[in-house]
Amino acid sequence: MLDFETFLQVDMRVGKVVKAEPYPEARKPAIKLWVDFGPEIGEKKTSAQITDNYSPDALVGKLVVGVVNFPPRQIGKFMSEFLVIGSADAAGGIVLLTPDQEVPLGGRIH
C-alpha cells in the first residue's frame, strides 16, 4: 500500500496542450505534445500513445493532467519531460484525464 506522504511526492498538475504533432518515428503510434503548465512550471513536452482516440489537431487547447516531477526520459529521438495521465477504454485505447471545467494552468491535483 502507498502511504499518503509518498502520494504527495507525485506532482500532478493541469496543463493546456499548446502544440501537438504526429510522432511517426516511435515504435508504437504516438503523438508529441507540448503542454503549458503555467508560470511556475512552464512548458514541458512528452510523447503519448494516444492515437486511437486523438489526432494532433484535436488536442491543441485541451486541458490535460500530467506528472511533472519525473526525470526526463528519452523516447526514441524525443526527450519526454512529463507523463500525461490517461486510462484505457474498452478497446485498449488511452483516454486522457482532463478537468471538466476550466481551472488555472499549473493547478496541483489533490
PDB file of N, CA and C in Angstrom:
ATOM      1  N   MET A   1       0.831  -1.188   0.000  1.00  0.00           N
ATOM      2  CA  MET A   1       0.000   0.000   0.000  1.00  0.00           C
ATOM      3  C   MET A   1       0.872   1.247   0.000  1.00  0.00           C
ATOM      4  N   LEU A   2       0.377   2.258  -0.596  1.00  0.00           N
ATOM      5  CA  LEU A   2       1.061   3.541  -0.694  1.00  0.00           C
ATOM      6  C   LEU A   2       0.595   4.439   0.452  1.00  0.00           C
ATOM      7  N   ASP A   3       1.552   5.003   1.190  1.00  0.00           N
ATOM      8  CA  ASP A   3       1.120   5.910   2.254  1.00  0.00           C
ATOM      9  C   ASP A   3       0.902   7.318   1.683  1.00  0.00           C
ATOM     10  N   PHE A   4       0.167   8.148   2.418  1.00  0.00           N
ATOM     11  CA  PHE A   4      -0.230   9.460   1.936  1.00  0.00           C
ATOM     12  C   PHE A   4       0.973  10.360   1.670  1.00  0.00           C
ATOM     13  N   GLU A   5       1.987  10.290   2.507  1.00  0.00           N
ATOM     14  CA  GLU A   5       3.187  11.127   2.311  1.00  0.00           C
ATOM     15  C   GLU A   5       3.870  10.792   0.978  1.00  0.00           C
ATOM     16  N   THR A   6       3.914   9.517   0.618  1.00  0.00           N
ATOM     17  CA  THR A   6       4.507   9.130  -0.661  1.00  0.00           C
ATOM     18  C   THR A   6       3.658   9.655  -1.816  1.00  0.00           C
ATOM     19  N   PHE A   7       2.336   9.547  -1.697  1.00  0.00           N
ATOM     20  CA  PHE A   7       1.441  10.067  -2.727  1.00  0.00           C
ATOM     21  C   PHE A   7       1.679  11.558  -2.961  1.00  0.00           C
ATOM     22  N   LEU A   8       1.880  12.311  -1.887  1.00  0.00           N
ATOM     23  CA  LEU A   8       2.086  13.753  -2.018  1.00  0.00           C
ATOM     24  C   LEU A   8       3.360  14.103  -2.794  1.00  0.00           C
ATOM     25  N   GLN A   9       4.283  13.168  -2.907  1.00  0.00           N
ATOM     26  CA  GLN A   9       5.512  13.404  -3.659  1.00  0.00           C
ATOM     27  C   GLN A   9       5.277  13.385  -5.173  1.00  0.00           C
ATOM     28  N   VAL A  10       4.160  12.785  -5.605  1.00  0.00           N
ATOM     29  CA  VAL A  10       3.823  12.752  -7.028  1.00  0.00           C
ATOM     30  C   VAL A  10       3.168  14.090  -7.375  1.00  0.00           C
ATOM     31  N   ASP A  11       3.853  14.888  -8.190  1.00  0.00           N
ATOM     32  CA  ASP A  11       3.386  16.231  -8.516  1.00  0.00           C
ATOM     33  C   ASP A  11       2.582  16.193  -9.817  1.00  0.00           C
ATOM     34  N   MET A  12       1.247  16.082  -9.676  1.00  0.00           N
ATOM     35  CA  MET A  12       0.357  16.073 -10.837  1.00  0.00           C
ATOM     36  C   MET A  12      -0.249  17.458 -10.988  1.00  0.00           C
ATOM     37  N   ARG A  13      -0.182  17.991 -12.209  1.00  0.00           N
ATOM     38  CA  ARG A  13      -0.663  19.348 -12.486  1.00  0.00           C
ATOM     39  C   ARG A  13      -1.535  19.370 -13.727  1.00  0.00           C
ATOM     40  N   VAL A  14      -2.340  20.418 -13.828  1.00  0.00           N
ATOM     41  CA  VAL A  14      -3.167  20.654 -15.005  1.00  0.00           C
ATOM     42  C   VAL A  14      -2.384  21.535 -15.971  1.00  0.00           C
ATOM     43  N   GLY A  15      -2.402  21.147 -17.235  1.00  0.00           N
ATOM     44  CA  GLY A  15      -1.769  21.942 -18.275  1.00  0.00           C
ATOM     45  C   GLY A  15      -2.644  21.997 -19.509  1.00  0.00           C
ATOM     46  N   LYS A  16      -2.278  22.895 -20.423  1.00  0.00           N
ATOM     47  CA  LYS A  16      -3.015  23.044 -21.683  1.00  0.00           C
ATOM     48  C   LYS A  16      -2.087  22.702 -22.843  1.00  0.00           C
ATOM     49  N   VAL A  17      -2.558  21.842 -23.721  1.00  0.00           N
ATOM     50  CA  VAL A  17      -1.785  21.471 -24.909  1.00  0.00           C
ATOM     51  C   VAL A  17      -1.661  22.699 -25.811  1.00  0.00           C
ATOM     52  N   VAL A  18      -0.412  23.101 -26.090  1.00  0.00           N
ATOM     53  CA  VAL A  18      -0.186  24.264 -26.958  1.00  0.00           C
ATOM     54  C   VAL A  18       0.296  23.850 -28.346  1.00  0.00           C
ATOM     55  N   LYS A  19       0.790  22.616 -28.457  1.00  0.00           N
ATOM     56  CA  LYS A  19       1.269  22.115 -29.742  1.00  0.00           C
ATOM     57  C   LYS A  19       1.185  20.595 -29.701  1.00  0.00           C
ATOM     58  N   ALA A  20       0.815  19.988 -30.818  1.00  0.00           N
ATOM     59  CA  ALA A  20       0.772  18.530 -30.923  1.00  0.00           C
ATOM     60  C   ALA A  20       1.107  18.150 -32.359  1.00  0.00           C
ATOM     61  N   GLU A  21       1.904  17.110 -32.509  1.00  0.00           N
ATOM     62  CA  GLU A  21       2.246  16.653 -33.854  1.00  0.00           C
ATOM     63  C   GLU A  21       2.471  15.143 -33.849  1.00  0.00           C
ATOM     64  N   PRO A  22       2.268  14.513 -35.006  1.00  0.00           N
ATOM     65  CA  PRO A  22       2.499  13.074 -35.087  1.00  0.00           C
ATOM     66  C   PRO A  22       3.948  12.729 -34.746  1.00  0.00           C
ATOM     67  N   TYR A  23       4.137  11.515 -34.260  1.00  0.00           N
ATOM     68  CA  TYR A  23       5.485  11.013 -33.963  1.00  0.00           C
ATOM     69  C   TYR A  23       5.666   9.694 -34.715  1.00  0.00           C
ATOM     70  N   PRO A  24       5.829   9.774 -36.049  1.00  0.00           N
ATOM     71  CA  PRO A  24       5.890   8.555 -36.866  1.00  0.00           C
ATOM     72  C   PRO A  24       7.129   7.698 -36.599  1.00  0.00           C
ATOM     73  N   GLU A  25       8.173   8.276 -36.011  1.00  0.00           N
ATOM     74  CA  GLU A  25       9.395   7.510 -35.732  1.00  0.00           C
ATOM     75  C   GLU A  25       9.264   6.619 -34.500  1.00  0.00           C
ATOM     76  N   ALA A  26       8.226   6.799 -33.713  1.00  0.00           N
ATOM     77  CA  ALA A  26       8.037   6.000 -32.498  1.00  0.00           C
ATOM     78  C   ALA A  26       7.762   4.543 -32.867  1.00  0.00           C
ATOM     79  N   ARG A  27       8.178   3.618 -31.985  1.00  0.00           N
ATOM     80  CA  ARG A  27       7.932   2.194 -32.219  1.00  0.00           C
ATOM     81  C   ARG A  27       6.447   1.886 -32.302  1.00  0.00           C
ATOM     82  N   LYS A  28       5.672   2.465 -31.388  1.00  0.00           N
ATOM     83  CA  LYS A  28       4.211   2.338 -31.411  1.00  0.00           C
ATOM     84  C   LYS A  28       3.657   3.708 -31.772  1.00  0.00           C
ATOM     85  N   PRO A  29       2.533   3.756 -32.487  1.00  0.00           N
ATOM     86  CA  PRO A  29       1.985   5.065 -32.878  1.00  0.00           C
ATOM     87  C   PRO A  29       1.838   6.000 -31.675  1.00  0.00           C
ATOM     88  N   ALA A  30       2.307   7.236 -31.850  1.00  0.00           N
ATOM     89  CA  ALA A  30       2.297   8.197 -30.751  1.00  0.00           C
ATOM     90  C   ALA A  30       2.129   9.608 -31.294  1.00  0.00           C
ATOM     91  N   ILE A  31       1.865  10.511 -30.365  1.00  0.00           N
ATOM     92  CA  ILE A  31       1.748  11.935 -30.670  1.00  0.00           C
ATOM     93  C   ILE A  31       2.671  12.684 -29.727  1.00  0.00           C
ATOM     94  N   LYS A  32       3.421  13.642 -30.267  1.00  0.00           N
ATOM     95  CA  LYS A  32       4.247  14.535 -29.441  1.00  0.00           C
ATOM     96  C   LYS A  32       3.352  15.664 -28.933  1.00  0.00           C
ATOM     97  N   LEU A  33       3.483  15.966 -27.645  1.00  0.00           N
ATOM     98  CA  LEU A  33       2.692  17.031 -27.023  1.00  0.00           C
ATOM     99  C   LEU A  33       3.600  18.052 -26.362  1.00  0.00           C
ATOM    100  N   TRP A  34       3.269  19.315 -26.509  1.00  0.00           N
ATOM    101  CA  TRP A  34       3.889  20.403 -25.758  1.00  0.00           C
ATOM    102  C   TRP A  34       2.776  21.001 -24.921  1.00  0.00           C
ATOM    103  N   VAL A  35       2.977  21.039 -23.598  1.00  0.00           N
ATOM    104  CA  VAL A  35       1.923  21.432 -22.679  1.00  0.00           C
ATOM    105  C   VAL A  35       2.403  22.568 -21.788  1.00  0.00           C
ATOM    106  N   ASP A  36       1.575  23.603 -21.662  1.00  0.00           N
ATOM    107  CA  ASP A  36       1.853  24.753 -20.790  1.00  0.00           C
ATOM    108  C   ASP A  36       1.273  24.458 -19.415  1.00  0.00           C
ATOM    109  N   PHE A  37       2.151  24.356 -18.407  1.00  0.00           N
ATOM    110  CA  PHE A  37       1.735  24.117 -17.036  1.00  0.00           C
ATOM    111  C   PHE A  37       1.749  25.395 -16.204  1.00  0.00           C
ATOM    112  N   GLY A  38       1.640  26.535 -16.828  1.00  0.00           N
ATOM    113  CA  GLY A  38       1.553  27.798 -16.104  1.00  0.00           C
ATOM    114  C   GLY A  38       2.900  28.385 -15.758  1.00  0.00           C
ATOM    115  N   PRO A  39       2.896  29.567 -15.110  1.00  0.00           N
ATOM    116  CA  PRO A  39       4.131  30.320 -14.886  1.00  0.00           C
ATOM    117  C   PRO A  39       5.136  29.638 -13.954  1.00  0.00           C
ATOM    118  N   GLU A  40       4.682  28.837 -13.012  1.00  0.00           N
ATOM    119  CA  GLU A  40       5.611  28.199 -12.069  1.00  0.00           C
ATOM    120  C   GLU A  40       6.441  27.101 -12.739  1.00  0.00           C
ATOM    121  N   ILE A  41       5.824  26.318 -13.611  1.00  0.00           N
ATOM    122  CA  ILE A  41       6.492  25.161 -14.226  1.00  0.00           C
ATOM    123  C   ILE A  41       6.860  25.440 -15.673  1.00  0.00           C
ATOM    124  N   GLY A  42       6.012  26.139 -16.390  1.00  0.00           N
ATOM    125  CA  GLY A  42       6.286  26.454 -17.788  1.00  0.00           C
ATOM    126  C   GLY A  42       5.842  25.343 -18.721  1.00  0.00           C
ATOM    127  N   GLU A  43       6.427  25.345 -19.912  1.00  0.00           N
ATOM    128  CA  GLU A  43       6.068  24.387 -20.956  1.00  0.00           C
ATOM    129  C   GLU A  43       6.953  23.147 -20.859  1.00  0.00           C
ATOM    130  N   LYS A  44       6.323  21.983 -20.972  1.00  0.00           N
ATOM    131  CA  LYS A  44       7.045  20.709 -20.996  1.00  0.00           C
ATOM    132  C   LYS A  44       6.525  19.897 -22.167  1.00  0.00           C
ATOM    133  N   LYS A  45       7.335  18.930 -22.613  1.00  0.00           N
ATOM    134  CA  LYS A  45       6.948  18.105 -23.756  1.00  0.00           C
ATOM    135  C   LYS A  45       6.970  16.628 -23.377  1.00  0.00           C
ATOM    136  N   THR A  46       6.181  15.860 -24.120  1.00  0.00           N
ATOM    137  CA  THR A  46       6.129  14.412 -23.923  1.00  0.00           C
ATOM    138  C   THR A  46       5.635  13.767 -25.205  1.00  0.00           C
ATOM    139  N   SER A  47       5.739  12.457 -25.262  1.00  0.00           N
ATOM    140  CA  SER A  47       5.069  11.713 -26.328  1.00  0.00           C
ATOM    141  C   SER A  47       4.102  10.753 -25.659  1.00  0.00           C
ATOM    142  N   ALA A  48       2.990  10.500 -26.335  1.00  0.00           N
ATOM    143  CA  ALA A  48       1.955   9.662 -25.745  1.00  0.00           C
ATOM    144  C   ALA A  48       1.340   8.761 -26.810  1.00  0.00           C
ATOM    145  N   GLN A  49       1.087   7.533 -26.438  1.00  0.00           N
ATOM    146  CA  GLN A  49       0.458   6.557 -27.332  1.00  0.00           C
ATOM    147  C   GLN A  49      -1.064   6.706 -27.239  1.00  0.00           C
ATOM    148  N   ILE A  50      -1.557   7.776 -27.825  1.00  0.00           N
ATOM    149  CA  ILE A  50      -2.977   8.138 -27.707  1.00  0.00           C
ATOM    150  C   ILE A  50      -3.655   8.258 -29.071  1.00  0.00           C
ATOM    151  N   THR A  51      -3.042   7.678 -30.098  1.00  0.00           N
ATOM    152  CA  THR A  51      -3.553   7.847 -31.464  1.00  0.00           C
ATOM    153  C   THR A  51      -4.875   7.134 -31.715  1.00  0.00           C
ATOM    154  N   ASP A  52      -5.267   6.188 -30.871  1.00  0.00           N
ATOM    155  CA  ASP A  52      -6.557   5.512 -31.073  1.00  0.00           C
ATOM    156  C   ASP A  52      -7.724   6.462 -30.864  1.00  0.00           C
ATOM    157  N   ASN A  53      -7.556   7.444 -29.999  1.00  0.00           N
ATOM    158  CA  ASN A  53      -8.671   8.325 -29.643  1.00  0.00           C
ATOM    159  C   ASN A  53      -8.459   9.795 -29.971  1.00  0.00           C
ATOM    160  N   TYR A  54      -7.252  10.169 -30.425  1.00  0.00           N
ATOM    161  CA  TYR A  54      -6.963  11.587 -30.637  1.00  0.00           C
ATOM    162  C   TYR A  54      -6.144  11.802 -31.900  1.00  0.00           C
ATOM    163  N   SER A  55      -6.366  12.957 -32.520  1.00  0.00           N
ATOM    164  CA  SER A  55      -5.499  13.439 -33.591  1.00  0.00           C
ATOM    165  C   SER A  55      -4.760  14.657 -33.043  1.00  0.00           C
ATOM    166  N   PRO A  56      -3.588  14.971 -33.585  1.00  0.00           N
ATOM    167  CA  PRO A  56      -2.861  16.141 -33.081  1.00  0.00           C
ATOM    168  C   PRO A  56      -3.695  17.422 -33.100  1.00  0.00           C
ATOM    169  N   ASP A  57      -4.426  17.674 -34.169  1.00  0.00           N
ATOM    170  CA  ASP A  57      -5.213  18.907 -34.272  1.00  0.00           C
ATOM    171  C   ASP A  57      -6.272  19.008 -33.181  1.00  0.00           C
ATOM    172  N   ALA A  58      -6.870  17.891 -32.810  1.00  0.00           N
ATOM    173  CA  ALA A  58      -7.928  17.895 -31.801  1.00  0.00           C
ATOM    174  C   ALA A  58      -7.394  18.130 -30.393  1.00  0.00           C
ATOM    175  N   LEU A  59      -6.090  17.963 -30.191  1.00  0.00           N
ATOM    176  CA  LEU A  59      -5.505  18.089 -28.851  1.00  0.00           C
ATOM    177  C   LEU A  59      -5.143  19.523 -28.479  1.00  0.00           C
ATOM    178  N   VAL A  60      -4.843  20.359 -29.447  1.00  0.00           N
ATOM    179  CA  VAL A  60      -4.417  21.729 -29.152  1.00  0.00           C
ATOM    180  C   VAL A  60      -5.549  22.467 -28.437  1.00  0.00           C
ATOM    181  N   GLY A  61      -5.222  23.041 -27.273  1.00  0.00           N
ATOM    182  CA  GLY A  61      -6.186  23.759 -26.462  1.00  0.00           C
ATOM    183  C   GLY A  61      -6.834  22.902 -25.382  1.00  0.00           C
ATOM    184  N   LYS A  62      -6.598  21.592 -25.418  1.00  0.00           N
ATOM    185  CA  LYS A  62      -7.210  20.675 -24.451  1.00  0.00           C
ATOM    186  C   LYS A  62      -6.461  20.724 -23.118  1.00  0.00           C
ATOM    187  N   LEU A  63      -7.221  20.735 -22.005  1.00  0.00           N
ATOM    188  CA  LEU A  63      -6.614  20.614 -20.680  1.00  0.00           C
ATOM    189  C   LEU A  63      -6.305  19.149 -20.417  1.00  0.00           C
ATOM    190  N   VAL A  64      -5.122  18.885 -19.860  1.00  0.00           N
ATOM    191  CA  VAL A  64      -4.691  17.529 -19.528  1.00  0.00           C
ATOM    192  C   VAL A  64      -4.078  17.528 -18.132  1.00  0.00           C
ATOM    193  N   VAL A  65      -3.887  16.336 -17.589  1.00  0.00           N
ATOM    194  CA  VAL A  65      -3.223  16.158 -16.302  1.00  0.00           C
ATOM    195  C   VAL A  65      -1.910  15.444 -16.562  1.00  0.00           C
ATOM    196  N   GLY A  66      -0.839  15.935 -15.935  1.00  0.00           N
ATOM    197  CA  GLY A  66       0.466  15.308 -16.116  1.00  0.00           C
ATOM    198  C   GLY A  66       1.264  15.252 -14.824  1.00  0.00           C
ATOM    199  N   VAL A  67       2.095  14.226 -14.714  1.00  0.00           N
ATOM    200  CA  VAL A  67       3.061  14.138 -13.616  1.00  0.00           C
ATOM    201  C   VAL A  67       4.293  14.903 -14.079  1.00  0.00           C
ATOM    202  N   VAL A  68       4.635  15.982 -13.364  1.00  0.00           N
ATOM    203  CA  VAL A  68       5.689  16.884 -13.833  1.00  0.00           C
ATOM    204  C   VAL A  68       7.016  16.719 -13.090  1.00  0.00           C
ATOM    205  N   ASN A  69       7.079  15.815 -12.123  1.00  0.00           N
ATOM    206  CA  ASN A  69       8.340  15.688 -11.381  1.00  0.00           C
ATOM    207  C   ASN A  69       9.043  14.347 -11.580  1.00  0.00           C
ATOM    208  N   PHE A  70       8.771  13.674 -12.717  1.00  0.00           N
ATOM    209  CA  PHE A  70       9.585  12.533 -13.111  1.00  0.00           C
ATOM    210  C   PHE A  70      10.829  13.059 -13.817  1.00  0.00           C
ATOM    211  N   PRO A  71      11.952  12.335 -13.762  1.00  0.00           N
ATOM    212  CA  PRO A  71      13.114  12.775 -14.535  1.00  0.00           C
ATOM    213  C   PRO A  71      12.844  12.636 -16.036  1.00  0.00           C
ATOM    214  N   PRO A  72      13.477  13.459 -16.874  1.00  0.00           N
ATOM    215  CA  PRO A  72      13.301  13.332 -18.327  1.00  0.00           C
ATOM    216  C   PRO A  72      13.671  11.920 -18.791  1.00  0.00           C
ATOM    217  N   ARG A  73      12.984  11.470 -19.852  1.00  0.00           N
ATOM    218  CA  ARG A  73      13.203  10.116 -20.375  1.00  0.00           C
ATOM    219  C   ARG A  73      13.269  10.180 -21.896  1.00  0.00           C
ATOM    220  N   GLN A  74      14.282   9.572 -22.452  1.00  0.00           N
ATOM    221  CA  GLN A  74      14.451   9.542 -23.901  1.00  0.00           C
ATOM    222  C   GLN A  74      13.479   8.527 -24.501  1.00  0.00           C
ATOM    223  N   ILE A  75      12.619   8.987 -25.411  1.00  0.00           N
ATOM    224  CA  ILE A  75      11.679   8.129 -26.123  1.00  0.00           C
ATOM    225  C   ILE A  75      12.057   8.210 -27.600  1.00  0.00           C
ATOM    226  N   GLY A  76      12.862   7.267 -28.052  1.00  0.00           N
ATOM    227  CA  GLY A  76      13.388   7.351 -29.412  1.00  0.00           C
ATOM    228  C   GLY A  76      14.297   8.567 -29.517  1.00  0.00           C
ATOM    229  N   LYS A  77      14.018   9.432 -30.479  1.00  0.00           N
ATOM    230  CA  LYS A  77      14.810  10.653 -30.655  1.00  0.00           C
ATOM    231  C   LYS A  77      14.193  11.847 -29.944  1.00  0.00           C
ATOM    232  N   PHE A  78      13.208  11.607 -29.094  1.00  0.00           N
ATOM    233  CA  PHE A  78      12.448  12.680 -28.441  1.00  0.00           C
ATOM    234  C   PHE A  78      12.614  12.569 -26.930  1.00  0.00           C
ATOM    235  N   MET A  79      12.894  13.683 -26.266  1.00  0.00           N
ATOM    236  CA  MET A  79      13.047  13.700 -24.810  1.00  0.00           C
ATOM    237  C   MET A  79      11.701  14.028 -24.162  1.00  0.00           C
ATOM    238  N   SER A  80      11.188  13.093 -23.380  1.00  0.00           N
ATOM    239  CA  SER A  80       9.929  13.276 -22.675  1.00  0.00           C
ATOM    240  C   SER A  80      10.216  13.890 -21.308  1.00  0.00           C
ATOM    241  N   GLU A  81       9.500  14.968 -20.973  1.00  0.00           N
ATOM    242  CA  GLU A  81       9.754  15.710 -19.738  1.00  0.00           C
ATOM    243  C   GLU A  81       8.657  15.554 -18.687  1.00  0.00           C
ATOM    244  N   PHE A  82       7.551  14.910 -19.042  1.00  0.00           N
ATOM    245  CA  PHE A  82       6.486  14.650 -18.069  1.00  0.00           C
ATOM    246  C   PHE A  82       5.675  13.460 -18.552  1.00  0.00           C
ATOM    247  N   LEU A  83       4.796  12.951 -17.689  1.00  0.00           N
ATOM    248  CA  LEU A  83       3.929  11.827 -18.032  1.00  0.00           C
ATOM    249  C   LEU A  83       2.492  12.316 -18.060  1.00  0.00           C
ATOM    250  N   VAL A  84       1.870  12.247 -19.231  1.00  0.00           N
ATOM    251  CA  VAL A  84       0.459  12.612 -19.336  1.00  0.00           C
ATOM    252  C   VAL A  84      -0.361  11.428 -18.813  1.00  0.00           C
ATOM    253  N   ILE A  85      -1.458  11.735 -18.107  1.00  0.00           N
ATOM    254  CA  ILE A  85      -2.240  10.711 -17.417  1.00  0.00           C
ATOM    255  C   ILE A  85      -3.497  10.364 -18.221  1.00  0.00           C
ATOM    256  N   GLY A  86      -3.750   9.065 -18.356  1.00  0.00           N
ATOM    257  CA  GLY A  86      -4.933   8.589 -19.054  1.00  0.00           C
ATOM    258  C   GLY A  86      -5.346   7.229 -18.538  1.00  0.00           C
ATOM    259  N   SER A  87      -6.451   6.743 -19.071  1.00  0.00           N
ATOM    260  CA  SER A  87      -6.982   5.433 -18.712  1.00  0.00           C
ATOM    261  C   SER A  87      -7.407   4.726 -19.991  1.00  0.00           C
ATOM    262  N   ALA A  88      -7.312   3.407 -19.998  1.00  0.00           N
ATOM    263  CA  ALA A  88      -7.674   2.637 -21.191  1.00  0.00           C
ATOM    264  C   ALA A  88      -9.189   2.532 -21.327  1.00  0.00           C
ATOM    265  N   ASP A  89      -9.670   2.678 -22.558  1.00  0.00           N
ATOM    266  CA  ASP A  89     -11.083   2.437 -22.836  1.00  0.00           C
ATOM    267  C   ASP A  89     -11.299   0.940 -23.063  1.00  0.00           C
ATOM    268  N   ALA A  90     -12.519   0.539 -23.401  1.00  0.00           N
ATOM    269  CA  ALA A  90     -12.851  -0.882 -23.567  1.00  0.00           C
ATOM    270  C   ALA A  90     -12.016  -1.555 -24.650  1.00  0.00           C
ATOM    271  N   ALA A  91     -11.572  -0.790 -25.643  1.00  0.00           N
ATOM    272  CA  ALA A  91     -10.773  -1.353 -26.733  1.00  0.00           C
ATOM    273  C   ALA A  91      -9.272  -1.272 -26.468  1.00  0.00           C
ATOM    274  N   GLY A  92      -8.876  -0.692 -25.339  1.00  0.00           N
ATOM    275  CA  GLY A  92      -7.457  -0.588 -25.005  1.00  0.00           C
ATOM    276  C   GLY A  92      -6.810   0.728 -25.401  1.00  0.00           C
ATOM    277  N   GLY A  93      -7.545   1.609 -26.074  1.00  0.00           N
ATOM    278  CA  GLY A  93      -7.005   2.924 -26.416  1.00  0.00           C
ATOM    279  C   GLY A  93      -7.003   3.828 -25.190  1.00  0.00           C
ATOM    280  N   ILE A  94      -6.054   4.752 -25.151  1.00  0.00           N
ATOM    281  CA  ILE A  94      -5.928   5.630 -23.988  1.00  0.00           C
ATOM    282  C   ILE A  94      -6.834   6.854 -24.130  1.00  0.00           C
ATOM    283  N   VAL A  95      -7.548   7.154 -23.046  1.00  0.00           N
ATOM    284  CA  VAL A  95      -8.387   8.341 -22.930  1.00  0.00           C
ATOM    285  C   VAL A  95      -7.725   9.239 -21.886  1.00  0.00           C
ATOM    286  N   LEU A  96      -7.414  10.456 -22.267  1.00  0.00           N
ATOM    287  CA  LEU A  96      -6.739  11.377 -21.364  1.00  0.00           C
ATOM    288  C   LEU A  96      -7.657  11.830 -20.233  1.00  0.00           C
ATOM    289  N   LEU A  97      -7.083  11.964 -19.029  1.00  0.00           N
ATOM    290  CA  LEU A  97      -7.819  12.539 -17.909  1.00  0.00           C
ATOM    291  C   LEU A  97      -7.744  14.052 -18.037  1.00  0.00           C
ATOM    292  N   THR A  98      -8.874  14.693 -17.877  1.00  0.00           N
ATOM    293  CA  THR A  98      -8.947  16.127 -18.081  1.00  0.00           C
ATOM    294  C   THR A  98      -9.997  16.735 -17.150  1.00  0.00           C
ATOM    295  N   PRO A  99      -9.773  17.938 -16.630  1.00  0.00           N
ATOM    296  CA  PRO A  99     -10.796  18.590 -15.803  1.00  0.00           C
ATOM    297  C   PRO A  99     -12.069  18.820 -16.623  1.00  0.00           C
ATOM    298  N   ASP A 100     -13.212  18.769 -15.975  1.00  0.00           N
ATOM    299  CA  ASP A 100     -14.465  19.015 -16.695  1.00  0.00           C
ATOM    300  C   ASP A 100     -14.881  20.485 -16.646  1.00  0.00           C
ATOM    301  N   GLN A 101     -14.034  21.325 -16.030  1.00  0.00           N
ATOM    302  CA  GLN A 101     -14.233  22.776 -16.027  1.00  0.00           C
ATOM    303  C   GLN A 101     -12.878  23.441 -16.190  1.00  0.00           C
ATOM    304  N   GLU A 102     -12.883  24.720 -16.589  1.00  0.00           N
ATOM    305  CA  GLU A 102     -11.635  25.472 -16.690  1.00  0.00           C
ATOM    306  C   GLU A 102     -11.038  25.652 -15.300  1.00  0.00           C
ATOM    307  N   VAL A 103      -9.765  25.393 -15.182  1.00  0.00           N
ATOM    308  CA  VAL A 103      -9.026  25.609 -13.934  1.00  0.00           C
ATOM    309  C   VAL A 103      -7.703  26.290 -14.299  1.00  0.00           C
ATOM    310  N   PRO A 104      -7.049  26.952 -13.335  1.00  0.00           N
ATOM    311  CA  PRO A 104      -5.794  27.621 -13.651  1.00  0.00           C
ATOM    312  C   PRO A 104      -4.719  26.633 -14.096  1.00  0.00           C
ATOM    313  N   LEU A 105      -3.947  27.046 -15.099  1.00  0.00           N
ATOM    314  CA  LEU A 105      -2.824  26.207 -15.561  1.00  0.00           C
ATOM    315  C   LEU A 105      -1.824  26.055 -14.430  1.00  0.00           C
ATOM    316  N   GLY A 106      -1.323  24.854 -14.275  1.00  0.00           N
ATOM    317  CA  GLY A 106      -0.361  24.576 -13.212  1.00  0.00           C
ATOM    318  C   GLY A 106      -1.006  24.170 -11.913  1.00  0.00           C
ATOM    319  N   GLY A 107      -2.352  24.155 -11.861  1.00  0.00           N
ATOM    320  CA  GLY A 107      -3.041  23.756 -10.649  1.00  0.00           C
ATOM    321  C   GLY A 107      -2.685  22.328 -10.247  1.00  0.00           C
ATOM    322  N   ARG A 108      -2.364  22.146  -9.000  1.00  0.00           N
ATOM    323  CA  ARG A 108      -1.972  20.822  -8.497  1.00  0.00           C
ATOM    324  C   ARG A 108      -3.193  19.941  -8.290  1.00  0.00           C
ATOM    325  N   ILE A 109      -3.071  18.681  -8.625  1.00  0.00           N
ATOM    326  CA  ILE A 109      -4.116  17.692  -8.395  1.00  0.00           C
ATOM    327  C   ILE A 109      -4.035  17.259  -6.943  1.00  0.00           C
ATOM    328  N   HIS A 110      -5.160  17.313  -6.252  1.00  0.00           N
ATOM    329  CA  HIS A 110      -5.208  16.977  -4.818  1.00  0.00           C
ATOM    330  C   HIS A 110      -5.920  15.667  -4.629  1.00  0.00           C
TER     331      HIS A 110
END
